[in-house]
Amino acid sequence: MKAKLILENGSIFEGKAFGYIGESVGEVVFNTGMTGYQEILTDPSYHGQIVTMTYPLMGNYGINLEDVESSKVRVKALIVREQCVKPSNWRCEMDLDGYLKQNQIMGLQGIDTRALTKVLRNNGTMKGIITTEELTTQEIQAKLSAFSNEKAVEAVTTEDVYEIQGTGKHIAVMDFGVKENILRSFRKRNCRITVFPANTRAEEVLAVNPDGIFLSNGPGDPQDLESVIENIKQLIGKKPIFGICLGHQLLALSLGGNTSKLKFGHRGCNHPVKDLINSKVYITSQNHGYVVKNEDLPKEMVVTHINLNDETIEGMQHKTLPIFSVQFHPEACPGPQDTGYLFDRFMKMLGGELICQEITV
């Protein structure tokens, strides 16, 4: 069936619908990963977004029901140059088209994804509509205006507190849209985990007396989460804290820093980041549209990681308190697993070892 993507700047890309046939409105972004479409589809950080894959063929190894990052598909829609209709992998349980149908997610294929990516790079991330219908200009504007991702975290956080058993350190996870592989990374280190809804008050978190607090990834603009920022302020100095992605941004805001929106974001599993502590460069997996502003870094924090593509802040640590965070994803699936050492650094910090070390530029 014919379908098209209509961007808010008036650009139109015509292709064919696959997956669930309907209509989808969201923020159109692009991801440069060659693999990992299943993890991308189920990553809560993509809530409210229409994801364009820049690699031309998607679905070639199918879908399995183990490598998911949450309980359901989170993207608004998926755009590919071509979907593979005959996947080949020993773990494959269904094809991409069937998976999208099952989860009522629309797909669009057959468009020039390179041209779309150039539009987004030149003009910045923007809203878009995927539709099989002929819409008037007024209908398009009304649909785009009605879309908002302001309550994204509220849509993806857990509704209830739950616990994952372990014999090691007790981690309180603030769930802003936590990926399953982050929880797996803590489980691999034998941690006992208590997961809290995003708006849980600080005193409720401290009441379980965790060894440390983890601020998770998640979707949307961190500045929309005013109550969360106030709660984090109450946690600072009480327990060691580790933040990833949105958690990193919220930590900066809680300490008096500021964030801004990137023109087209960092999404993919091939982003070079330099760790200034050990003076090494890592290829990282990333998914974010906002960043901590260099000129507004909290005065108590020092930069530990920088992005080698655009020199944005990718990590920071407190000068005196056991607190640090990174913008990228050290759990790294899909993508390289080199930065998993950051979970080990957090474990050492929970054991009383401060991570404040000399920084090499």
Protein backbone atom coordinates (compact mmCIF):
# COMPACT_ATOMS: atom_id res chain seq x y z
CA MET A 1 0.00 0.00 0.00
CA LYS A 2 1.29 3.47 -0.88
CA ALA A 3 2.16 5.73 2.04
CA LYS A 4 4.12 8.91 2.57
CA LEU A 5 6.02 10.84 5.20
CA ILE A 6 5.09 14.52 5.50
CA LEU A 7 7.51 16.70 7.47
CA GLU A 8 6.52 19.94 9.15
CA ASN A 9 8.74 21.90 6.73
CA GLY A 10 6.60 20.61 3.85
CA SER A 11 8.98 17.91 2.58
CA ILE A 12 7.22 14.76 1.35
CA PHE A 13 8.73 11.28 0.89
CA GLU A 14 6.61 8.68 -0.87
CA GLY A 15 7.01 4.95 -0.25
CA LYS A 16 5.09 1.87 0.84
CA ALA A 17 3.52 1.03 4.18
CA PHE A 18 4.33 -2.17 6.03
CA GLY A 19 3.65 -3.46 9.51
CA TYR A 20 0.44 -2.08 10.99
CA ILE A 21 -1.45 0.04 8.46
CA GLY A 22 -2.73 3.27 9.91
CA GLU A 23 -1.33 6.71 10.62
CA SER A 24 1.49 7.90 12.87
CA VAL A 25 2.56 11.33 14.10
CA GLY A 26 5.83 11.90 15.95
CA GLU A 27 9.26 13.48 16.07
CA VAL A 28 11.31 12.21 13.11
CA VAL A 29 14.88 11.21 14.00
CA PHE A 30 17.59 9.05 12.43
CA ASN A 31 19.77 6.26 13.81
CA THR A 32 23.11 5.32 12.21
CA GLY A 33 23.32 1.76 13.57
CA MET A 34 23.76 -1.10 11.09
CA THR A 35 22.05 -3.53 13.47
CA GLY A 36 20.00 -3.43 16.65
CA TYR A 37 16.60 -2.52 15.21
CA GLN A 38 14.86 -4.74 17.75
CA GLU A 39 16.53 -3.00 20.70
CA ILE A 40 15.80 0.38 19.12
CA LEU A 41 12.11 -0.46 18.64
CA THR A 42 11.74 -1.41 22.33
CA ASP A 43 13.95 1.29 23.88
CA PRO A 44 11.71 3.56 26.02
CA SER A 45 13.96 6.53 25.17
CA TYR A 46 12.42 6.50 21.67
CA HIS A 47 8.89 7.08 22.96
CA GLY A 48 7.13 9.60 20.73
CA GLN A 49 9.64 9.30 17.89
CA ILE A 50 9.51 8.07 14.30
CA VAL A 51 12.90 6.42 13.79
CA THR A 52 14.67 6.39 10.43
CA MET A 53 17.39 3.77 10.01
CA THR A 54 20.22 5.05 7.79
CA TYR A 55 21.54 1.56 6.99
CA PRO A 56 19.60 0.45 3.88
CA LEU A 57 18.46 -3.07 4.87
CA MET A 58 16.64 -3.85 8.11
CA GLY A 59 15.09 -7.08 9.36
CA ASN A 60 17.68 -9.45 7.88
CA TYR A 61 18.12 -11.43 11.12
CA GLY A 62 14.48 -11.20 12.14
CA ILE A 63 13.07 -10.75 15.63
CA ASN A 64 13.49 -12.84 18.78
CA LEU A 65 11.59 -12.35 22.02
CA GLU A 66 14.67 -12.19 24.28
CA ASP A 67 16.65 -9.18 23.02
CA VAL A 68 14.12 -6.53 23.97
CA GLU A 69 14.71 -3.42 26.08
CA SER A 70 11.19 -3.12 27.50
CA SER A 71 7.84 -4.87 27.56
CA LYS A 72 6.62 -3.48 24.22
CA VAL A 73 7.55 -1.47 21.14
CA ARG A 74 8.08 2.19 22.07
CA VAL A 75 8.67 4.01 18.77
CA LYS A 76 5.79 5.72 16.97
CA ALA A 77 6.86 4.31 13.59
CA LEU A 78 9.86 2.86 11.74
CA ILE A 79 11.27 4.09 8.42
CA VAL A 80 13.65 1.92 6.37
CA ARG A 81 14.99 1.90 2.84
CA GLU A 82 14.13 -1.79 2.53
CA GLN A 83 12.74 -4.40 4.90
CA CYS A 84 14.00 -7.96 4.59
CA VAL A 85 11.09 -10.32 3.96
CA LYS A 86 13.11 -13.53 4.42
CA PRO A 87 15.21 -13.16 7.59
CA SER A 88 17.92 -15.71 8.32
CA ASN A 89 19.15 -16.35 11.86
CA TRP A 90 18.97 -19.37 14.17
CA ARG A 91 17.32 -17.23 16.88
CA CYS A 92 14.70 -15.69 14.58
CA GLU A 93 11.12 -16.17 15.83
CA MET A 94 9.27 -13.76 13.50
CA ASP A 95 9.95 -11.21 10.81
CA LEU A 96 10.04 -7.43 11.23
CA ASP A 97 6.76 -6.91 9.37
CA GLY A 98 4.89 -9.35 11.62
CA TYR A 99 6.42 -7.87 14.77
CA LEU A 100 5.24 -4.37 13.83
CA LYS A 101 1.78 -5.69 12.97
CA GLN A 102 1.58 -7.48 16.32
CA ASN A 103 2.48 -4.29 18.17
CA GLN A 104 0.34 -2.00 15.97
CA ILE A 105 3.31 0.05 14.81
CA MET A 106 3.43 1.48 11.32
CA GLY A 107 6.39 1.06 9.00
CA LEU A 108 7.40 2.97 5.89
CA GLN A 109 9.83 1.57 3.29
CA GLY A 110 11.02 2.43 -0.18
CA ILE A 111 11.93 6.07 0.46
CA ASP A 112 15.39 7.57 0.02
CA THR A 113 16.55 7.43 3.63
CA ARG A 114 19.82 9.15 2.73
CA ALA A 115 17.90 12.17 1.43
CA LEU A 116 15.68 12.19 4.53
CA THR A 117 18.74 12.06 6.79
CA LYS A 118 20.24 15.03 4.95
CA VAL A 119 17.03 17.00 5.45
CA LEU A 120 17.11 16.27 9.19
CA ARG A 121 20.82 17.11 9.47
CA ASN A 122 20.40 20.40 7.59
CA ASN A 123 17.09 21.51 9.12
CA GLY A 124 17.14 19.73 12.47
CA THR A 125 14.80 17.19 13.99
CA MET A 126 11.16 17.95 13.21
CA LYS A 127 7.67 16.54 13.52
CA GLY A 128 6.24 14.35 10.82
CA ILE A 129 3.25 12.27 9.75
CA ILE A 130 3.22 8.87 8.07
CA THR A 131 -0.11 8.32 6.35
CA THR A 132 -1.84 6.38 3.59
CA GLU A 133 -4.49 9.09 3.23
CA GLU A 134 -4.58 12.34 1.30
CA LEU A 135 -4.57 15.09 3.89
CA THR A 136 -5.30 18.77 3.43
CA THR A 137 -2.83 21.40 4.58
CA GLN A 138 -5.16 22.26 7.46
CA GLU A 139 -5.41 18.61 8.55
CA ILE A 140 -1.63 18.23 8.45
CA GLN A 141 -1.08 21.33 10.56
CA ALA A 142 -3.75 20.27 13.06
CA LYS A 143 -2.21 16.82 13.52
CA LEU A 144 1.31 18.18 13.91
CA SER A 145 0.19 20.85 16.37
CA ALA A 146 -1.66 18.27 18.46
CA PHE A 147 1.44 16.11 18.93
CA SER A 148 3.39 16.60 22.17
CA ASN A 149 6.05 14.47 23.85
CA GLU A 150 6.01 16.48 27.08
CA LYS A 151 4.71 13.59 29.24
CA ALA A 152 6.95 10.94 27.70
CA VAL A 153 8.53 9.78 30.96
CA GLU A 154 5.12 9.44 32.56
CA ALA A 155 4.16 7.09 29.71
CA VAL A 156 7.16 4.75 30.07
CA THR A 157 8.00 4.63 33.79
CA THR A 158 6.92 1.73 35.98
CA GLU A 159 3.59 2.20 37.75
CA ASP A 160 4.66 0.35 40.90
CA VAL A 161 7.80 -0.24 42.91
CA TYR A 162 9.31 -3.67 42.25
CA GLU A 163 12.38 -5.57 43.37
CA ILE A 164 14.90 -7.81 41.62
CA GLN A 165 16.67 -10.13 44.02
CA GLY A 166 20.45 -10.25 44.38
CA THR A 167 23.10 -10.92 46.98
CA GLY A 168 25.34 -7.91 46.35
CA LYS A 169 24.96 -4.15 46.62
CA HIS A 170 21.45 -2.72 46.85
CA ILE A 171 20.72 -0.30 43.98
CA ALA A 172 17.72 2.05 43.94
CA VAL A 173 16.83 2.61 40.28
CA MET A 174 14.86 5.72 39.37
CA ASP A 175 12.95 4.54 36.31
CA PHE A 176 12.56 7.28 33.71
CA GLY A 177 12.36 4.62 30.99
CA VAL A 178 15.10 2.23 32.05
CA LYS A 179 16.43 -0.24 29.47
CA GLU A 180 16.38 -3.91 30.36
CA ASN A 181 20.07 -4.25 29.61
CA ILE A 182 20.89 -1.72 32.31
CA LEU A 183 19.06 -3.92 34.80
CA ARG A 184 20.85 -6.95 33.33
CA SER A 185 24.18 -5.17 33.81
CA PHE A 186 23.43 -4.70 37.51
CA ARG A 187 22.20 -8.28 37.82
CA LYS A 188 25.47 -9.55 36.31
CA ARG A 189 27.18 -7.85 39.25
CA ASN A 190 24.85 -9.65 41.70
CA CYS A 191 23.10 -6.44 42.71
CA ARG A 192 19.82 -6.37 44.53
CA ILE A 193 17.66 -3.84 42.68
CA THR A 194 14.63 -1.82 43.76
CA VAL A 195 12.99 0.03 40.85
CA PHE A 196 10.96 3.16 41.61
CA PRO A 197 8.49 5.16 39.47
CA ALA A 198 9.91 8.40 38.10
CA ASN A 199 8.07 10.73 40.49
CA THR A 200 8.86 8.82 43.70
CA ARG A 201 9.75 11.22 46.52
CA ALA A 202 13.32 11.24 47.79
CA GLU A 203 12.35 10.12 51.29
CA GLU A 204 10.64 7.00 49.90
CA VAL A 205 13.81 6.06 48.00
CA LEU A 206 16.04 6.65 51.02
CA ALA A 207 13.65 4.66 53.22
CA VAL A 208 14.85 1.39 51.64
CA ASN A 209 18.43 2.37 52.57
CA PRO A 210 20.09 1.53 49.23
CA ASP A 211 23.85 1.40 48.84
CA GLY A 212 23.56 3.61 45.77
CA ILE A 213 21.09 5.37 43.49
CA PHE A 214 20.90 5.01 39.72
CA LEU A 215 19.24 7.64 37.50
CA SER A 216 18.09 5.93 34.31
CA ASN A 217 17.78 6.84 30.67
CA GLY A 218 14.45 7.99 29.29
CA PRO A 219 12.67 10.07 26.64
CA GLY A 220 11.86 13.73 26.25
CA ASP A 221 13.13 17.10 27.42
CA PRO A 222 14.73 16.92 30.91
CA GLN A 223 13.55 20.44 31.70
CA ASP A 224 9.94 19.20 31.61
CA LEU A 225 10.59 17.08 34.73
CA GLU A 226 10.58 19.76 37.41
CA SER A 227 9.32 17.54 40.24
CA VAL A 228 11.91 14.87 39.40
CA ILE A 229 14.68 17.46 39.50
CA GLU A 230 13.54 18.59 42.95
CA ASN A 231 13.58 14.99 44.20
CA ILE A 232 17.09 14.42 42.87
CA LYS A 233 18.25 17.54 44.71
CA GLN A 234 17.15 15.85 47.94
CA LEU A 235 19.19 12.71 47.09
CA ILE A 236 22.47 14.49 46.38
CA GLY A 237 24.94 13.95 49.20
CA LYS A 238 22.85 11.21 50.80
CA LYS A 239 24.00 8.25 48.67
CA PRO A 240 26.40 7.57 45.78
CA ILE A 241 24.71 8.38 42.45
CA PHE A 242 25.27 7.13 38.89
CA GLY A 243 23.31 8.55 35.96
CA ILE A 244 22.98 7.55 32.30
CA CYS A 245 21.54 9.63 29.43
CA LEU A 246 18.41 11.41 30.73
CA GLY A 247 19.66 10.65 34.26
CA HIS A 248 22.89 12.47 33.38
CA GLN A 249 20.94 15.51 32.16
CA LEU A 250 18.64 15.55 35.20
CA LEU A 251 21.64 15.33 37.51
CA ALA A 252 23.18 18.38 35.83
CA LEU A 253 19.92 20.34 36.20
CA SER A 254 19.65 19.29 39.86
CA LEU A 255 23.13 20.68 40.52
CA GLY A 256 22.38 24.03 38.91
CA GLY A 257 23.55 23.29 35.37
CA ASN A 258 21.58 23.61 32.15
CA THR A 259 20.67 21.54 29.08
CA SER A 260 19.91 22.35 25.46
CA LYS A 261 18.47 20.53 22.47
CA LEU A 262 20.84 19.26 19.80
CA LYS A 263 20.03 20.06 16.19
CA PHE A 264 19.54 16.41 15.20
CA GLY A 265 20.79 14.44 18.22
CA HIS A 266 23.16 11.50 18.61
CA ARG A 267 21.58 8.15 17.76
CA GLY A 268 23.55 5.08 16.78
CA CYS A 269 26.25 2.68 17.97
CA ASN A 270 29.29 4.30 16.36
CA HIS A 271 29.95 7.54 18.25
CA PRO A 272 33.56 8.20 19.38
CA VAL A 273 33.92 9.39 22.98
CA LYS A 274 37.13 10.14 24.88
CA ASP A 275 37.39 9.18 28.55
CA LEU A 276 39.56 11.94 30.01
CA ILE A 277 40.28 9.94 33.16
CA ASN A 278 42.12 7.09 31.44
CA SER A 279 42.86 9.02 28.21
CA LYS A 280 41.23 6.40 25.97
CA VAL A 281 38.77 6.68 23.10
CA TYR A 282 35.73 4.40 22.96
CA ILE A 283 33.11 3.79 20.30
CA THR A 284 29.79 4.20 22.09
CA SER A 285 26.09 3.52 21.67
CA GLN A 286 23.99 6.67 21.97
CA ASN A 287 20.40 7.86 21.86
CA HIS A 288 19.72 11.42 22.94
CA GLY A 289 18.43 14.70 21.60
CA TYR A 290 19.49 16.88 24.54
CA VAL A 291 22.87 17.61 26.07
CA VAL A 292 24.40 19.27 29.14
CA LYS A 293 25.62 22.71 28.07
CA ASN A 294 29.39 23.17 28.31
CA GLU A 295 29.12 26.78 29.42
CA ASP A 296 26.61 25.88 32.15
CA LEU A 297 28.34 22.85 33.67
CA PRO A 298 27.59 22.78 37.43
CA LYS A 299 30.52 24.30 39.33
CA GLU A 300 30.81 21.18 41.54
CA MET A 301 31.30 18.94 38.47
CA VAL A 302 34.21 18.28 36.11
CA VAL A 303 33.95 16.87 32.60
CA THR A 304 35.16 13.25 32.31
CA HIS A 305 34.07 12.37 28.76
CA ILE A 306 33.77 14.37 25.55
CA ASN A 307 32.21 13.57 22.17
CA LEU A 308 34.93 13.65 19.51
CA ASN A 309 32.45 14.55 16.75
CA ASP A 310 31.16 17.80 18.24
CA GLU A 311 32.98 18.17 21.61
CA THR A 312 29.75 18.02 23.62
CA ILE A 313 29.84 16.75 27.21
CA GLU A 314 29.50 12.96 27.43
CA GLY A 315 30.32 12.48 31.12
CA MET A 316 30.94 14.31 34.38
CA GLN A 317 31.88 13.63 38.00
CA HIS A 318 31.52 15.51 41.28
CA LYS A 319 34.68 17.06 42.72
CA THR A 320 34.07 15.80 46.27
CA LEU A 321 30.99 13.54 46.36
CA PRO A 322 30.60 9.98 45.00
CA ILE A 323 28.55 11.11 42.01
CA PHE A 324 29.16 10.63 38.29
CA SER A 325 27.19 10.27 35.07
CA VAL A 326 27.53 9.69 31.33
CA GLN A 327 25.45 10.73 28.35
CA PHE A 328 26.05 7.58 26.29
CA HIS A 329 24.93 4.01 27.05
CA PRO A 330 27.62 1.82 28.71
CA GLU A 331 25.24 -1.17 28.76
CA ALA A 332 25.67 -0.86 24.98
CA CYS A 333 23.27 -3.25 23.31
CA PRO A 334 23.07 -2.76 20.41
CA GLY A 335 26.64 -1.65 20.00
CA PRO A 336 30.16 -1.97 21.42
CA GLN A 337 30.53 -3.16 25.01
CA ASP A 338 33.84 -1.44 25.81
CA THR A 339 32.32 1.03 28.27
CA GLY A 340 30.78 -1.56 30.60
CA TYR A 341 33.65 -0.69 32.95
CA LEU A 342 31.56 2.23 34.17
CA PHE A 343 29.26 -0.18 36.02
CA ASP A 344 32.36 -1.61 37.69
CA ARG A 345 33.45 1.92 38.58
CA PHE A 346 30.07 2.44 40.26
CA MET A 347 30.51 -0.82 42.19
CA LYS A 348 33.90 0.39 43.45
CA MET A 349 32.32 3.67 44.43
CA LEU A 350 29.68 1.82 46.45
CA GLY A 351 32.55 0.08 48.22
CA GLY A 352 33.85 3.44 49.43
CA GLU A 353 36.28 4.27 46.63
CA LEU A 354 35.96 7.79 45.29
CA ILE A 355 36.37 8.08 41.53
CA CYS A 356 37.68 11.65 41.55
CA GLN A 357 40.93 11.40 39.61
CA GLU A 358 43.20 13.65 37.59
CA ILE A 359 41.70 14.54 34.23
CA THR A 360 43.84 14.41 31.08
CA VAL A 361 42.68 16.60 28.20
